[in-house]
Amino acid sequence: MVKGFRDFLMRGNVVDLAVAVVIGTAFGAIVKGLSDGIITPLIAAIFGQPDLNSVGTFTINKADFSLGLVLTPIVNFVIVAAAIYFIVVVPVNKLRARFVKEEEVAEAEEITLLREIRDGLARNNG
């Protein structure tokens, strides 16, 4: 029973998930710092307030409407998505492209060598 639990914990997907949660939490702090340090003051400079909650408010028949309450989560989502894309996705894609090229070159050299060996063996046997 203990062995089964240990095997479960050591499975790649469980370990990967744990790492993703820790990295996600740390990355959340980076995005929060970016938002609090740059984006929020920028919004305050443009709209006079640090959030968009009161932007586009109006009342119809004593019912209060606020476009800002919709805009704030949209802006927050765009900030998080942009931060993830430019800080994580773009660099990882560049690294992957570099490693794929190196692997393709090594694979092509290996295939060429194997063909030469095959052709040499065929000449010796034929």
N, C-alpha and C. Protein backbone atom coordinates (compact mmCIF):
# COMPACT_ATOMS: atom_id res chain seq x y z
N MET A 1 0.82 -1.18 0.00
CA MET A 1 0.00 0.00 0.00
C MET A 1 0.87 1.26 0.00
N VAL A 2 1.93 1.25 0.80
CA VAL A 2 2.84 2.39 0.84
C VAL A 2 3.58 2.51 -0.50
N LYS A 3 3.93 1.37 -1.09
CA LYS A 3 4.60 1.39 -2.39
C LYS A 3 3.69 2.01 -3.45
N GLY A 4 2.41 1.65 -3.43
CA GLY A 4 1.47 2.22 -4.39
C GLY A 4 1.34 3.73 -4.22
N PHE A 5 1.31 4.20 -2.96
CA PHE A 5 1.24 5.63 -2.70
C PHE A 5 2.50 6.33 -3.19
N ARG A 6 3.65 5.73 -2.93
CA ARG A 6 4.92 6.29 -3.38
C ARG A 6 4.96 6.35 -4.90
N ASP A 7 4.52 5.28 -5.57
CA ASP A 7 4.48 5.28 -7.03
C ASP A 7 3.55 6.35 -7.57
N PHE A 8 2.42 6.55 -6.89
CA PHE A 8 1.49 7.60 -7.30
C PHE A 8 2.15 8.98 -7.19
N LEU A 9 2.83 9.24 -6.10
CA LEU A 9 3.48 10.53 -5.90
C LEU A 9 4.64 10.76 -6.88
N MET A 10 5.30 9.70 -7.26
CA MET A 10 6.47 9.85 -8.13
C MET A 10 6.11 9.83 -9.60
N ARG A 11 4.84 9.64 -9.92
CA ARG A 11 4.39 9.69 -11.30
C ARG A 11 4.70 11.06 -11.87
N GLY A 12 5.06 11.12 -13.12
CA GLY A 12 5.44 12.37 -13.75
C GLY A 12 4.37 13.43 -13.69
N ASN A 13 3.12 13.05 -13.94
CA ASN A 13 2.08 14.08 -13.99
C ASN A 13 1.79 14.70 -12.63
N VAL A 14 1.94 13.96 -11.54
CA VAL A 14 1.71 14.52 -10.21
C VAL A 14 2.83 15.48 -9.86
N VAL A 15 4.05 15.10 -10.15
CA VAL A 15 5.19 15.97 -9.88
C VAL A 15 5.11 17.21 -10.77
N ASP A 16 4.78 17.05 -12.03
CA ASP A 16 4.64 18.19 -12.93
C ASP A 16 3.55 19.14 -12.45
N LEU A 17 2.46 18.58 -11.97
CA LEU A 17 1.37 19.42 -11.46
C LEU A 17 1.81 20.21 -10.23
N ALA A 18 2.54 19.57 -9.34
CA ALA A 18 3.03 20.26 -8.15
C ALA A 18 3.98 21.40 -8.54
N VAL A 19 4.86 21.13 -9.47
CA VAL A 19 5.79 22.16 -9.95
C VAL A 19 5.01 23.30 -10.60
N ALA A 20 3.99 22.97 -11.38
CA ALA A 20 3.19 23.99 -12.05
C ALA A 20 2.48 24.89 -11.04
N VAL A 21 1.99 24.31 -9.96
CA VAL A 21 1.31 25.11 -8.93
C VAL A 21 2.30 26.06 -8.27
N VAL A 22 3.47 25.58 -7.94
CA VAL A 22 4.48 26.42 -7.29
C VAL A 22 4.94 27.53 -8.24
N ILE A 23 5.24 27.17 -9.47
CA ILE A 23 5.67 28.17 -10.46
C ILE A 23 4.53 29.15 -10.74
N GLY A 24 3.31 28.67 -10.83
CA GLY A 24 2.17 29.54 -11.07
C GLY A 24 1.98 30.55 -9.94
N THR A 25 2.19 30.11 -8.72
CA THR A 25 2.08 31.02 -7.58
C THR A 25 3.17 32.08 -7.63
N ALA A 26 4.38 31.67 -7.93
CA ALA A 26 5.48 32.63 -8.03
C ALA A 26 5.26 33.59 -9.19
N PHE A 27 4.77 33.07 -10.31
CA PHE A 27 4.51 33.92 -11.47
C PHE A 27 3.37 34.88 -11.18
N GLY A 28 2.40 34.46 -10.39
CA GLY A 28 1.30 35.34 -9.99
C GLY A 28 1.83 36.57 -9.25
N ALA A 29 2.85 36.38 -8.43
CA ALA A 29 3.45 37.51 -7.73
C ALA A 29 4.10 38.48 -8.71
N ILE A 30 4.73 37.96 -9.75
CA ILE A 30 5.35 38.81 -10.77
C ILE A 30 4.27 39.63 -11.49
N VAL A 31 3.20 38.97 -11.88
CA VAL A 31 2.11 39.67 -12.58
C VAL A 31 1.47 40.70 -11.67
N LYS A 32 1.28 40.37 -10.38
CA LYS A 32 0.71 41.32 -9.44
C LYS A 32 1.62 42.53 -9.29
N GLY A 33 2.91 42.32 -9.21
CA GLY A 33 3.85 43.43 -9.13
C GLY A 33 3.80 44.30 -10.37
N LEU A 34 3.73 43.68 -11.54
CA LEU A 34 3.61 44.43 -12.80
C LEU A 34 2.32 45.24 -12.81
N SER A 35 1.24 44.62 -12.39
CA SER A 35 -0.05 45.29 -12.37
C SER A 35 -0.07 46.43 -11.36
N ASP A 36 0.39 46.16 -10.14
CA ASP A 36 0.37 47.18 -9.08
C ASP A 36 1.37 48.30 -9.33
N GLY A 37 2.51 47.97 -9.93
CA GLY A 37 3.56 48.96 -10.10
C GLY A 37 3.46 49.78 -11.37
N ILE A 38 2.87 49.22 -12.42
CA ILE A 38 2.85 49.93 -13.70
C ILE A 38 1.43 50.14 -14.22
N ILE A 39 0.65 49.09 -14.31
CA ILE A 39 -0.66 49.17 -14.96
C ILE A 39 -1.65 50.00 -14.13
N THR A 40 -1.75 49.71 -12.84
CA THR A 40 -2.70 50.45 -11.99
C THR A 40 -2.39 51.95 -11.95
N PRO A 41 -1.13 52.35 -11.76
CA PRO A 41 -0.85 53.79 -11.81
C PRO A 41 -1.14 54.40 -13.18
N LEU A 42 -0.94 53.64 -14.24
CA LEU A 42 -1.24 54.13 -15.58
C LEU A 42 -2.75 54.37 -15.73
N ILE A 43 -3.55 53.41 -15.25
CA ILE A 43 -5.01 53.58 -15.29
C ILE A 43 -5.42 54.77 -14.43
N ALA A 44 -4.80 54.93 -13.26
CA ALA A 44 -5.12 56.07 -12.39
C ALA A 44 -4.75 57.39 -13.06
N ALA A 45 -3.64 57.41 -13.81
CA ALA A 45 -3.24 58.64 -14.50
C ALA A 45 -4.22 58.99 -15.61
N ILE A 46 -4.76 57.99 -16.28
CA ILE A 46 -5.67 58.24 -17.40
C ILE A 46 -7.09 58.55 -16.91
N PHE A 47 -7.60 57.72 -15.99
CA PHE A 47 -9.00 57.84 -15.58
C PHE A 47 -9.18 58.54 -14.23
N GLY A 48 -8.11 58.85 -13.52
CA GLY A 48 -8.22 59.53 -12.24
C GLY A 48 -8.49 58.60 -11.08
N GLN A 49 -8.58 57.29 -11.33
CA GLN A 49 -8.82 56.29 -10.30
C GLN A 49 -8.00 55.05 -10.62
N PRO A 50 -7.62 54.26 -9.60
CA PRO A 50 -6.77 53.11 -9.87
C PRO A 50 -7.49 51.90 -10.47
N ASP A 51 -8.79 51.97 -10.62
CA ASP A 51 -9.51 50.89 -11.29
C ASP A 51 -10.59 51.48 -12.18
N LEU A 52 -11.21 50.63 -12.94
CA LEU A 52 -12.21 51.10 -13.90
C LEU A 52 -13.64 50.91 -13.42
N ASN A 53 -13.80 50.56 -12.15
CA ASN A 53 -15.13 50.20 -11.63
C ASN A 53 -16.17 51.31 -11.81
N SER A 54 -15.77 52.56 -11.71
CA SER A 54 -16.76 53.63 -11.82
C SER A 54 -16.81 54.25 -13.21
N VAL A 55 -16.07 53.72 -14.14
CA VAL A 55 -16.09 54.23 -15.52
C VAL A 55 -17.37 53.75 -16.20
N GLY A 56 -18.05 54.64 -16.84
CA GLY A 56 -19.25 54.27 -17.59
C GLY A 56 -20.43 53.90 -16.72
N THR A 57 -20.57 54.53 -15.58
CA THR A 57 -21.72 54.24 -14.72
C THR A 57 -22.89 55.13 -15.11
N PHE A 58 -24.07 54.55 -15.08
CA PHE A 58 -25.27 55.31 -15.38
C PHE A 58 -26.46 54.63 -14.70
N THR A 59 -27.54 55.37 -14.56
CA THR A 59 -28.73 54.86 -13.87
C THR A 59 -29.93 54.97 -14.80
N ILE A 60 -30.70 53.91 -14.86
CA ILE A 60 -31.95 53.89 -15.61
C ILE A 60 -33.03 53.35 -14.67
N ASN A 61 -34.05 54.16 -14.42
CA ASN A 61 -35.16 53.77 -13.54
C ASN A 61 -34.66 53.22 -12.21
N LYS A 62 -33.74 53.92 -11.57
CA LYS A 62 -33.16 53.58 -10.27
C LYS A 62 -32.32 52.31 -10.29
N ALA A 63 -31.98 51.82 -11.48
CA ALA A 63 -31.08 50.67 -11.60
C ALA A 63 -29.71 51.19 -12.03
N ASP A 64 -28.69 50.84 -11.27
CA ASP A 64 -27.33 51.31 -11.55
C ASP A 64 -26.61 50.33 -12.47
N PHE A 65 -26.00 50.87 -13.49
CA PHE A 65 -25.21 50.08 -14.45
C PHE A 65 -23.78 50.59 -14.41
N SER A 66 -22.81 49.70 -14.63
CA SER A 66 -21.41 50.10 -14.64
C SER A 66 -20.66 49.27 -15.67
N LEU A 67 -20.22 49.92 -16.71
CA LEU A 67 -19.38 49.24 -17.70
C LEU A 67 -18.01 48.93 -17.11
N GLY A 68 -17.59 49.76 -16.16
CA GLY A 68 -16.29 49.57 -15.53
C GLY A 68 -16.18 48.26 -14.77
N LEU A 69 -17.29 47.80 -14.19
CA LEU A 69 -17.27 46.51 -13.49
C LEU A 69 -17.01 45.35 -14.44
N VAL A 70 -17.31 45.55 -15.70
CA VAL A 70 -17.00 44.54 -16.71
C VAL A 70 -15.60 44.76 -17.26
N LEU A 71 -15.22 46.03 -17.43
CA LEU A 71 -13.91 46.35 -17.99
C LEU A 71 -12.75 45.94 -17.08
N THR A 72 -12.92 46.09 -15.77
CA THR A 72 -11.83 45.77 -14.83
C THR A 72 -11.37 44.32 -14.96
N PRO A 73 -12.26 43.31 -14.91
CA PRO A 73 -11.76 41.94 -15.07
C PRO A 73 -11.22 41.66 -16.47
N ILE A 74 -11.77 42.34 -17.48
CA ILE A 74 -11.25 42.14 -18.84
C ILE A 74 -9.81 42.66 -18.92
N VAL A 75 -9.58 43.84 -18.38
CA VAL A 75 -8.23 44.41 -18.38
C VAL A 75 -7.29 43.54 -17.57
N ASN A 76 -7.74 43.05 -16.42
CA ASN A 76 -6.90 42.15 -15.61
C ASN A 76 -6.55 40.88 -16.37
N PHE A 77 -7.52 40.32 -17.08
CA PHE A 77 -7.26 39.12 -17.87
C PHE A 77 -6.23 39.39 -18.96
N VAL A 78 -6.39 40.52 -19.65
CA VAL A 78 -5.45 40.86 -20.73
C VAL A 78 -4.05 41.06 -20.16
N ILE A 79 -3.95 41.69 -18.99
CA ILE A 79 -2.64 41.88 -18.35
C ILE A 79 -1.99 40.54 -18.05
N VAL A 80 -2.74 39.63 -17.43
CA VAL A 80 -2.19 38.32 -17.09
C VAL A 80 -1.83 37.54 -18.35
N ALA A 81 -2.71 37.55 -19.35
CA ALA A 81 -2.43 36.82 -20.59
C ALA A 81 -1.20 37.38 -21.30
N ALA A 82 -1.07 38.70 -21.34
CA ALA A 82 0.10 39.31 -21.99
C ALA A 82 1.37 38.98 -21.23
N ALA A 83 1.32 39.04 -19.91
CA ALA A 83 2.50 38.72 -19.12
C ALA A 83 2.92 37.27 -19.33
N ILE A 84 1.97 36.36 -19.30
CA ILE A 84 2.29 34.95 -19.53
C ILE A 84 2.87 34.75 -20.93
N TYR A 85 2.26 35.39 -21.92
CA TYR A 85 2.72 35.21 -23.29
C TYR A 85 4.14 35.73 -23.47
N PHE A 86 4.38 36.97 -23.05
CA PHE A 86 5.67 37.59 -23.33
C PHE A 86 6.78 37.14 -22.39
N ILE A 87 6.44 36.72 -21.18
CA ILE A 87 7.47 36.32 -20.22
C ILE A 87 7.72 34.81 -20.24
N VAL A 88 6.71 34.02 -20.61
CA VAL A 88 6.87 32.56 -20.57
C VAL A 88 6.83 31.95 -21.96
N VAL A 89 5.75 32.17 -22.70
CA VAL A 89 5.53 31.45 -23.96
C VAL A 89 6.58 31.80 -25.01
N VAL A 90 6.82 33.08 -25.24
CA VAL A 90 7.78 33.48 -26.29
C VAL A 90 9.18 32.94 -26.01
N PRO A 91 9.74 33.13 -24.79
CA PRO A 91 11.07 32.57 -24.55
C PRO A 91 11.13 31.04 -24.65
N VAL A 92 10.09 30.36 -24.15
CA VAL A 92 10.10 28.89 -24.22
C VAL A 92 10.04 28.43 -25.68
N ASN A 93 9.23 29.08 -26.51
CA ASN A 93 9.17 28.72 -27.93
C ASN A 93 10.51 28.93 -28.62
N LYS A 94 11.20 30.02 -28.27
CA LYS A 94 12.53 30.26 -28.86
C LYS A 94 13.52 29.18 -28.44
N LEU A 95 13.47 28.80 -27.16
CA LEU A 95 14.36 27.73 -26.69
C LEU A 95 14.04 26.41 -27.38
N ARG A 96 12.77 26.10 -27.50
CA ARG A 96 12.37 24.85 -28.16
C ARG A 96 12.83 24.84 -29.61
N ALA A 97 12.66 25.95 -30.29
CA ALA A 97 13.08 26.02 -31.70
C ALA A 97 14.58 25.79 -31.83
N ARG A 98 15.35 26.34 -30.90
CA ARG A 98 16.80 26.16 -30.95
C ARG A 98 17.16 24.70 -30.72
N PHE A 99 16.53 24.06 -29.74
CA PHE A 99 16.85 22.67 -29.45
C PHE A 99 16.36 21.74 -30.55
N VAL A 100 15.24 22.04 -31.16
CA VAL A 100 14.73 21.20 -32.24
C VAL A 100 15.70 21.23 -33.42
N LYS A 101 16.22 22.42 -33.76
CA LYS A 101 17.18 22.51 -34.85
C LYS A 101 18.42 21.68 -34.55
N GLU A 102 18.93 21.77 -33.32
CA GLU A 102 20.11 20.99 -32.95
C GLU A 102 19.81 19.49 -33.02
N GLU A 103 18.61 19.09 -32.57
CA GLU A 103 18.23 17.69 -32.61
C GLU A 103 18.07 17.21 -34.05
N GLU A 104 17.49 18.06 -34.91
CA GLU A 104 17.31 17.68 -36.31
C GLU A 104 18.65 17.50 -37.00
N VAL A 105 19.62 18.38 -36.72
CA VAL A 105 20.95 18.26 -37.31
C VAL A 105 21.61 16.98 -36.82
N ALA A 106 21.53 16.71 -35.52
CA ALA A 106 22.13 15.49 -34.98
C ALA A 106 21.45 14.26 -35.56
N GLU A 107 20.12 14.31 -35.71
CA GLU A 107 19.39 13.18 -36.28
C GLU A 107 19.76 12.97 -37.74
N ALA A 108 19.89 14.05 -38.50
CA ALA A 108 20.26 13.94 -39.91
C ALA A 108 21.66 13.35 -40.04
N GLU A 109 22.59 13.77 -39.19
CA GLU A 109 23.95 13.21 -39.22
C GLU A 109 23.93 11.73 -38.87
N GLU A 110 23.11 11.36 -37.90
CA GLU A 110 23.00 9.96 -37.49
C GLU A 110 22.41 9.12 -38.62
N ILE A 111 21.39 9.63 -39.28
CA ILE A 111 20.77 8.90 -40.39
C ILE A 111 21.77 8.74 -41.53
N THR A 112 22.52 9.79 -41.83
CA THR A 112 23.54 9.70 -42.88
C THR A 112 24.58 8.64 -42.53
N LEU A 113 25.04 8.63 -41.31
CA LEU A 113 26.02 7.65 -40.87
C LEU A 113 25.45 6.23 -40.97
N LEU A 114 24.21 6.04 -40.54
CA LEU A 114 23.59 4.72 -40.63
C LEU A 114 23.44 4.26 -42.07
N ARG A 115 23.11 5.17 -42.97
CA ARG A 115 23.01 4.82 -44.40
C ARG A 115 24.36 4.42 -44.96
N GLU A 116 25.41 5.14 -44.57
CA GLU A 116 26.75 4.80 -45.04
C GLU A 116 27.15 3.41 -44.54
N ILE A 117 26.83 3.11 -43.29
CA ILE A 117 27.14 1.79 -42.73
C ILE A 117 26.36 0.72 -43.49
N ARG A 118 25.06 0.98 -43.73
CA ARG A 118 24.24 0.02 -44.47
C ARG A 118 24.79 -0.22 -45.86
N ASP A 119 25.13 0.87 -46.56
CA ASP A 119 25.66 0.74 -47.93
C ASP A 119 27.00 0.00 -47.93
N GLY A 120 27.85 0.27 -46.95
CA GLY A 120 29.14 -0.42 -46.85
C GLY A 120 28.95 -1.91 -46.61
N LEU A 121 28.00 -2.24 -45.73
CA LEU A 121 27.73 -3.67 -45.48
C LEU A 121 27.16 -4.34 -46.71
N ALA A 122 26.31 -3.65 -47.45
CA ALA A 122 25.73 -4.21 -48.66
C ALA A 122 26.81 -4.46 -49.70
N ARG A 123 27.78 -3.55 -49.84
CA ARG A 123 28.88 -3.75 -50.81
C ARG A 123 29.74 -4.93 -50.42
N ASN A 124 30.00 -5.07 -49.13
CA ASN A 124 30.86 -6.17 -48.67
C ASN A 124 30.16 -7.52 -48.82
N ASN A 125 28.85 -7.55 -48.66
CA ASN A 125 28.11 -8.81 -48.76
C ASN A 125 27.74 -9.14 -50.20
N GLY A 126 27.71 -8.12 -51.07
CA GLY A 126 27.26 -8.34 -52.45
C GLY A 126 28.40 -8.54 -53.33
